[in-house]
Amino acid sequence: MYTLETSHLILRCPSHCDEILLHGLHSDPFVVNAIRDGVSPTIEQTKAELLQFINHWQHHRFGYWIIDIKDEGKAKKFAGYCGLVRGDSVEESNV
């Protein structure tokens, strides 16, 4: 699909190989307490969410980007994700 690069970051479309990275982020105690209502997701829930990210890109040609930090010009560390997703209404859309 698509990849965007800066001198410090690589933004790429999500893929199935991001499952463990995404699950690690969503299971981090800070993230769990800050945005997941104190409940860690199961690996199955993470897989389902990742599949939603991938399907959104396939249907709309935009969505969440996976962010990797570059070191010496190569992807070195997973930093998270960002982007836009389309909801059924303006209230359901997410930035």
Protein backbone atom coordinates (compact mmCIF):
# COMPACT_ATOMS: atom_id res chain seq x y z
CA MET A 1 0.00 0.00 0.00
CA TYR A 2 1.37 3.38 1.05
CA THR A 3 4.42 4.52 3.02
CA LEU A 4 5.38 8.03 4.11
CA GLU A 5 8.88 8.80 5.37
CA THR A 6 10.51 11.73 7.12
CA SER A 7 14.08 11.96 8.31
CA HIS A 8 13.01 10.46 11.66
CA LEU A 9 9.81 8.48 11.05
CA ILE A 10 8.25 5.89 8.78
CA LEU A 11 4.45 5.88 8.53
CA ARG A 12 3.08 2.76 6.86
CA CYS A 13 -0.19 0.96 6.39
CA PRO A 14 -0.98 -1.67 9.02
CA SER A 15 -0.43 -5.33 8.24
CA HIS A 16 -1.07 -8.63 10.01
CA CYS A 17 2.55 -8.72 11.18
CA ASP A 18 1.77 -5.72 13.45
CA GLU A 19 -0.38 -7.86 15.75
CA ILE A 20 2.19 -8.32 18.54
CA LEU A 21 3.31 -4.66 18.38
CA LEU A 22 -0.26 -3.39 18.62
CA HIS A 23 -1.11 -5.82 21.42
CA GLY A 24 1.96 -4.69 23.36
CA LEU A 25 0.86 -1.07 23.03
CA HIS A 26 -2.74 -1.78 24.03
CA SER A 27 -1.58 -3.89 26.98
CA ASP A 28 0.82 -1.26 28.34
CA PRO A 29 -0.39 -0.25 31.84
CA PHE A 30 -0.27 3.47 31.01
CA VAL A 31 -2.36 2.99 27.87
CA VAL A 32 -4.77 0.64 29.63
CA ASN A 33 -5.40 3.19 32.37
CA ALA A 34 -5.45 6.23 30.08
CA ILE A 35 -7.69 5.14 27.22
CA ARG A 36 -8.86 1.56 27.70
CA ASP A 37 -10.86 2.01 30.92
CA GLY A 38 -8.38 -0.07 32.91
CA VAL A 39 -9.07 -3.27 30.96
CA SER A 40 -6.33 -4.97 28.93
CA PRO A 41 -7.51 -6.43 25.62
CA THR A 42 -7.15 -10.10 24.76
CA ILE A 43 -4.98 -11.04 21.80
CA GLU A 44 -8.20 -11.88 19.93
CA GLN A 45 -9.52 -8.36 20.54
CA THR A 46 -6.25 -6.89 19.27
CA LYS A 47 -6.42 -9.09 16.15
CA ALA A 48 -9.99 -7.91 15.51
CA GLU A 49 -9.00 -4.26 15.90
CA LEU A 50 -6.01 -4.68 13.59
CA LEU A 51 -8.26 -6.33 11.01
CA GLN A 52 -10.54 -3.27 11.22
CA PHE A 53 -7.52 -1.03 10.55
CA ILE A 54 -6.52 -3.14 7.52
CA ASN A 55 -10.07 -3.35 6.14
CA HIS A 56 -10.55 0.40 6.52
CA TRP A 57 -7.48 1.00 4.32
CA GLN A 58 -8.74 -1.50 1.74
CA HIS A 59 -12.18 0.09 1.52
CA HIS A 60 -11.37 3.82 1.89
CA ARG A 61 -7.69 4.15 0.87
CA PHE A 62 -6.92 5.97 4.14
CA GLY A 63 -6.89 5.10 7.82
CA TYR A 64 -4.52 4.59 10.73
CA TRP A 65 -0.79 4.61 9.99
CA ILE A 66 1.71 2.47 11.91
CA ILE A 67 4.56 4.72 13.11
CA ASP A 68 8.14 3.46 13.27
CA ILE A 69 11.06 5.57 14.51
CA LYS A 70 14.06 5.54 12.20
CA ASP A 71 17.65 5.00 13.28
CA GLU A 72 20.38 5.49 10.70
CA GLY A 73 17.75 5.60 7.97
CA LYS A 74 16.06 2.29 8.86
CA ALA A 75 12.94 1.47 10.86
CA LYS A 76 14.12 0.73 14.36
CA LYS A 77 11.31 1.04 16.91
CA PHE A 78 7.52 0.87 16.88
CA ALA A 79 6.10 4.14 18.24
CA GLY A 80 2.35 3.65 17.86
CA TYR A 81 -0.26 4.62 15.32
CA CYS A 82 -2.09 7.72 14.14
CA GLY A 83 -4.42 8.77 11.36
CA LEU A 84 -8.01 9.25 10.32
CA VAL A 85 -10.86 6.79 10.16
CA ARG A 86 -14.29 7.21 8.70
CA GLY A 87 -17.38 6.61 10.81
CA ASP A 88 -21.02 6.50 9.75
CA SER A 89 -21.42 10.09 10.94
CA VAL A 90 -19.22 13.02 11.87
CA GLU A 91 -19.64 12.11 15.54
CA GLU A 92 -18.28 8.60 14.89
CA SER A 93 -15.25 9.66 12.82
CA ASN A 94 -11.94 9.51 14.65
CA VAL A 95 -8.70 11.48 14.38
